[in-house]
Amino acid sequence: MTKSSYPLKLPHSVKAAAERLAKADGVSLNQFIATAVAEKIGTLNTVDAFLEQQAGKSLPGDMMQFLTNAPDVDPVAGDEFHDG
Protein backbone atom coordinates (compact mmCIF):
# COMPACT_ATOMS: atom_id res chain seq x y z
CA MET A 1 0.00 0.00 0.00
CA THR A 2 1.38 3.37 -0.93
CA LYS A 3 0.74 6.33 1.29
CA SER A 4 0.60 10.05 0.75
CA SER A 5 0.32 12.94 3.12
CA TYR A 6 -2.18 15.73 3.18
CA PRO A 7 -2.12 18.66 5.60
CA LEU A 8 -5.50 18.67 7.28
CA LYS A 9 -6.97 21.60 9.15
CA LEU A 10 -9.84 20.80 11.48
CA PRO A 11 -11.89 22.99 13.78
CA HIS A 12 -10.62 22.54 17.35
CA SER A 13 -13.90 20.93 18.45
CA VAL A 14 -13.80 18.35 15.63
CA LYS A 15 -10.17 17.49 16.33
CA ALA A 16 -10.85 17.14 20.04
CA ALA A 17 -13.79 14.82 19.39
CA ALA A 18 -11.74 12.76 16.90
CA GLU A 19 -8.86 12.49 19.40
CA ARG A 20 -11.25 11.36 22.13
CA LEU A 21 -12.84 8.71 19.88
CA ALA A 22 -9.48 7.53 18.55
CA LYS A 23 -8.18 7.11 22.09
CA ALA A 24 -11.32 5.19 23.10
CA ASP A 25 -10.79 2.97 20.04
CA GLY A 26 -7.12 2.47 20.89
CA VAL A 27 -5.83 3.89 17.59
CA SER A 28 -3.85 6.93 16.56
CA LEU A 29 -5.62 10.06 15.40
CA ASN A 30 -4.12 9.50 11.95
CA GLN A 31 -5.51 5.95 11.78
CA PHE A 32 -8.90 7.12 13.04
CA ILE A 33 -9.15 9.84 10.38
CA ALA A 34 -7.93 7.52 7.59
CA THR A 35 -10.53 4.93 8.58
CA ALA A 36 -13.28 7.56 8.78
CA VAL A 37 -12.44 8.83 5.28
CA ALA A 38 -12.35 5.26 3.92
CA GLU A 39 -15.75 4.53 5.48
CA LYS A 40 -17.24 7.69 3.97
CA ILE A 41 -15.85 6.81 0.53
CA GLY A 42 -17.29 3.30 0.81
CA THR A 43 -20.69 4.64 1.83
CA LEU A 44 -20.86 7.14 -1.01
CA ASN A 45 -19.70 4.57 -3.57
CA THR A 46 -22.33 2.13 -2.30
CA VAL A 47 -25.06 4.76 -2.52
CA ASP A 48 -24.02 5.70 -6.07
CA ALA A 49 -24.05 2.04 -7.14
CA PHE A 50 -27.43 1.45 -5.47
CA LEU A 51 -29.04 4.45 -7.12
CA GLU A 52 -27.58 3.55 -10.50
CA GLN A 53 -28.91 0.02 -10.15
CA GLN A 54 -32.36 1.23 -9.10
CA ALA A 55 -32.56 3.71 -11.94
CA GLY A 56 -31.59 1.08 -14.49
CA LYS A 57 -32.40 2.35 -17.94
CA SER A 58 -35.07 4.76 -16.74
CA LEU A 59 -35.32 8.15 -18.36
CA PRO A 60 -36.55 11.37 -16.74
CA GLY A 61 -39.72 11.22 -18.86
CA ASP A 62 -40.57 7.82 -17.34
CA MET A 63 -41.67 9.64 -14.18
CA MET A 64 -44.44 11.51 -15.99
CA GLN A 65 -46.98 8.70 -15.46
CA PHE A 66 -46.41 8.95 -11.72
CA LEU A 67 -46.42 12.73 -11.66
CA THR A 68 -49.61 12.88 -13.72
CA ASN A 69 -51.40 10.58 -11.27
CA ALA A 70 -50.04 12.26 -8.13
CA PRO A 71 -52.69 14.02 -6.01
CA ASP A 72 -52.77 17.80 -6.18
CA VAL A 73 -52.24 18.65 -2.51
CA ASP A 74 -50.28 21.31 -0.66
CA PRO A 75 -46.81 20.22 0.49
CA VAL A 76 -46.18 19.20 4.07
CA ALA A 77 -44.99 22.12 6.21
CA GLY A 78 -41.27 22.60 5.63
CA ASP A 79 -41.35 20.92 2.20
CA GLU A 80 -42.42 24.02 0.29
CA PHE A 81 -40.46 25.04 -2.79
CA HIS A 82 -38.83 28.47 -2.54
CA ASP A 83 -37.41 29.90 -5.74
CA GLY A 84 -34.22 31.84 -5.08
C-alpha atoms as a PDB file:
ATOM      1  CA  MET A   1       0.000   0.000   0.000  1.00  0.00           C
ATOM      2  CA  THR A   2       1.384   3.374  -0.932  1.00  0.00           C
ATOM      3  CA  LYS A   3       0.744   6.330   1.290  1.00  0.00           C
ATOM      4  CA  SER A   4       0.600  10.054   0.750  1.00  0.00           C
ATOM      5  CA  SER A   5       0.316  12.941   3.120  1.00  0.00           C
ATOM      6  CA  TYR A   6      -2.176  15.733   3.181  1.00  0.00           C
ATOM      7  CA  PRO A   7      -2.118  18.665   5.597  1.00  0.00           C
ATOM      8  CA  LEU A   8      -5.500  18.668   7.282  1.00  0.00           C
ATOM      9  CA  LYS A   9      -6.967  21.603   9.150  1.00  0.00           C
ATOM     10  CA  LEU A  10      -9.841  20.796  11.483  1.00  0.00           C
ATOM     11  CA  PRO A  11     -11.887  22.990  13.784  1.00  0.00           C
ATOM     12  CA  HIS A  12     -10.619  22.535  17.346  1.00  0.00           C
ATOM     13  CA  SER A  13     -13.900  20.927  18.445  1.00  0.00           C
ATOM     14  CA  VAL A  14     -13.803  18.346  15.631  1.00  0.00           C
ATOM     15  CA  LYS A  15     -10.165  17.492  16.326  1.00  0.00           C
ATOM     16  CA  ALA A  16     -10.846  17.139  20.044  1.00  0.00           C
ATOM     17  CA  ALA A  17     -13.792  14.821  19.391  1.00  0.00           C
ATOM     18  CA  ALA A  18     -11.736  12.761  16.902  1.00  0.00           C
ATOM     19  CA  GLU A  19      -8.860  12.495  19.400  1.00  0.00           C
ATOM     20  CA  ARG A  20     -11.247  11.358  22.126  1.00  0.00           C
ATOM     21  CA  LEU A  21     -12.839   8.714  19.880  1.00  0.00           C
ATOM     22  CA  ALA A  22      -9.475   7.534  18.551  1.00  0.00           C
ATOM     23  CA  LYS A  23      -8.179   7.112  22.091  1.00  0.00           C
ATOM     24  CA  ALA A  24     -11.321   5.191  23.096  1.00  0.00           C
ATOM     25  CA  ASP A  25     -10.786   2.966  20.038  1.00  0.00           C
ATOM     26  CA  GLY A  26      -7.117   2.471  20.894  1.00  0.00           C
ATOM     27  CA  VAL A  27      -5.832   3.886  17.590  1.00  0.00           C
ATOM     28  CA  SER A  28      -3.854   6.927  16.559  1.00  0.00           C
ATOM     29  CA  LEU A  29      -5.617  10.063  15.401  1.00  0.00           C
ATOM     30  CA  ASN A  30      -4.122   9.497  11.945  1.00  0.00           C
ATOM     31  CA  GLN A  31      -5.506   5.948  11.781  1.00  0.00           C
ATOM     32  CA  PHE A  32      -8.901   7.124  13.038  1.00  0.00           C
ATOM     33  CA  ILE A  33      -9.150   9.844  10.379  1.00  0.00           C
ATOM     34  CA  ALA A  34      -7.925   7.518   7.595  1.00  0.00           C
ATOM     35  CA  THR A  35     -10.531   4.929   8.576  1.00  0.00           C
ATOM     36  CA  ALA A  36     -13.278   7.557   8.780  1.00  0.00           C
ATOM     37  CA  VAL A  37     -12.438   8.828   5.284  1.00  0.00           C
ATOM     38  CA  ALA A  38     -12.347   5.261   3.917  1.00  0.00           C
ATOM     39  CA  GLU A  39     -15.750   4.534   5.484  1.00  0.00           C
ATOM     40  CA  LYS A  40     -17.237   7.687   3.970  1.00  0.00           C
ATOM     41  CA  ILE A  41     -15.853   6.810   0.525  1.00  0.00           C
ATOM     42  CA  GLY A  42     -17.287   3.299   0.810  1.00  0.00           C
ATOM     43  CA  THR A  43     -20.690   4.637   1.827  1.00  0.00           C
ATOM     44  CA  LEU A  44     -20.863   7.141  -1.015  1.00  0.00           C
ATOM     45  CA  ASN A  45     -19.698   4.566  -3.566  1.00  0.00           C
ATOM     46  CA  THR A  46     -22.330   2.132  -2.300  1.00  0.00           C
ATOM     47  CA  VAL A  47     -25.061   4.764  -2.516  1.00  0.00           C
ATOM     48  CA  ASP A  48     -24.025   5.696  -6.065  1.00  0.00           C
ATOM     49  CA  ALA A  49     -24.053   2.037  -7.136  1.00  0.00           C
ATOM     50  CA  PHE A  50     -27.429   1.446  -5.471  1.00  0.00           C
ATOM     51  CA  LEU A  51     -29.043   4.454  -7.122  1.00  0.00           C
ATOM     52  CA  GLU A  52     -27.577   3.555 -10.501  1.00  0.00           C
ATOM     53  CA  GLN A  53     -28.905   0.023 -10.151  1.00  0.00           C
ATOM     54  CA  GLN A  54     -32.357   1.232  -9.100  1.00  0.00           C
ATOM     55  CA  ALA A  55     -32.564   3.714 -11.938  1.00  0.00           C
ATOM     56  CA  GLY A  56     -31.589   1.084 -14.488  1.00  0.00           C
ATOM     57  CA  LYS A  57     -32.398   2.355 -17.940  1.00  0.00           C
ATOM     58  CA  SER A  58     -35.071   4.761 -16.739  1.00  0.00           C
ATOM     59  CA  LEU A  59     -35.321   8.152 -18.364  1.00  0.00           C
ATOM     60  CA  PRO A  60     -36.545  11.369 -16.737  1.00  0.00           C
ATOM     61  CA  GLY A  61     -39.717  11.217 -18.861  1.00  0.00           C
ATOM     62  CA  ASP A  62     -40.565   7.820 -17.342  1.00  0.00           C
ATOM     63  CA  MET A  63     -41.668   9.640 -14.184  1.00  0.00           C
ATOM     64  CA  MET A  64     -44.442  11.506 -15.986  1.00  0.00           C
ATOM     65  CA  GLN A  65     -46.984   8.701 -15.461  1.00  0.00           C
ATOM     66  CA  PHE A  66     -46.414   8.946 -11.721  1.00  0.00           C
ATOM     67  CA  LEU A  67     -46.421  12.729 -11.657  1.00  0.00           C
ATOM     68  CA  THR A  68     -49.614  12.876 -13.725  1.00  0.00           C
ATOM     69  CA  ASN A  69     -51.400  10.577 -11.266  1.00  0.00           C
ATOM     70  CA  ALA A  70     -50.036  12.264  -8.133  1.00  0.00           C
ATOM     71  CA  PRO A  71     -52.686  14.016  -6.007  1.00  0.00           C
ATOM     72  CA  ASP A  72     -52.769  17.803  -6.181  1.00  0.00           C
ATOM     73  CA  VAL A  73     -52.236  18.647  -2.510  1.00  0.00           C
ATOM     74  CA  ASP A  74     -50.279  21.305  -0.659  1.00  0.00           C
ATOM     75  CA  PRO A  75     -46.805  20.217   0.495  1.00  0.00           C
ATOM     76  CA  VAL A  76     -46.181  19.204   4.066  1.00  0.00           C
ATOM     77  CA  ALA A  77     -44.995  22.121   6.206  1.00  0.00           C
ATOM     78  CA  GLY A  78     -41.269  22.599   5.627  1.00  0.00           C
ATOM     79  CA  ASP A  79     -41.348  20.921   2.197  1.00  0.00           C
ATOM     80  CA  GLU A  80     -42.423  24.017   0.293  1.00  0.00           C
ATOM     81  CA  PHE A  81     -40.457  25.042  -2.789  1.00  0.00           C
ATOM     82  CA  HIS A  82     -38.828  28.467  -2.538  1.00  0.00           C
ATOM     83  CA  ASP A  83     -37.414  29.902  -5.737  1.00  0.00           C
ATOM     84  CA  GLY A  84     -34.224  31.842  -5.084  1.00  0.00           C
END
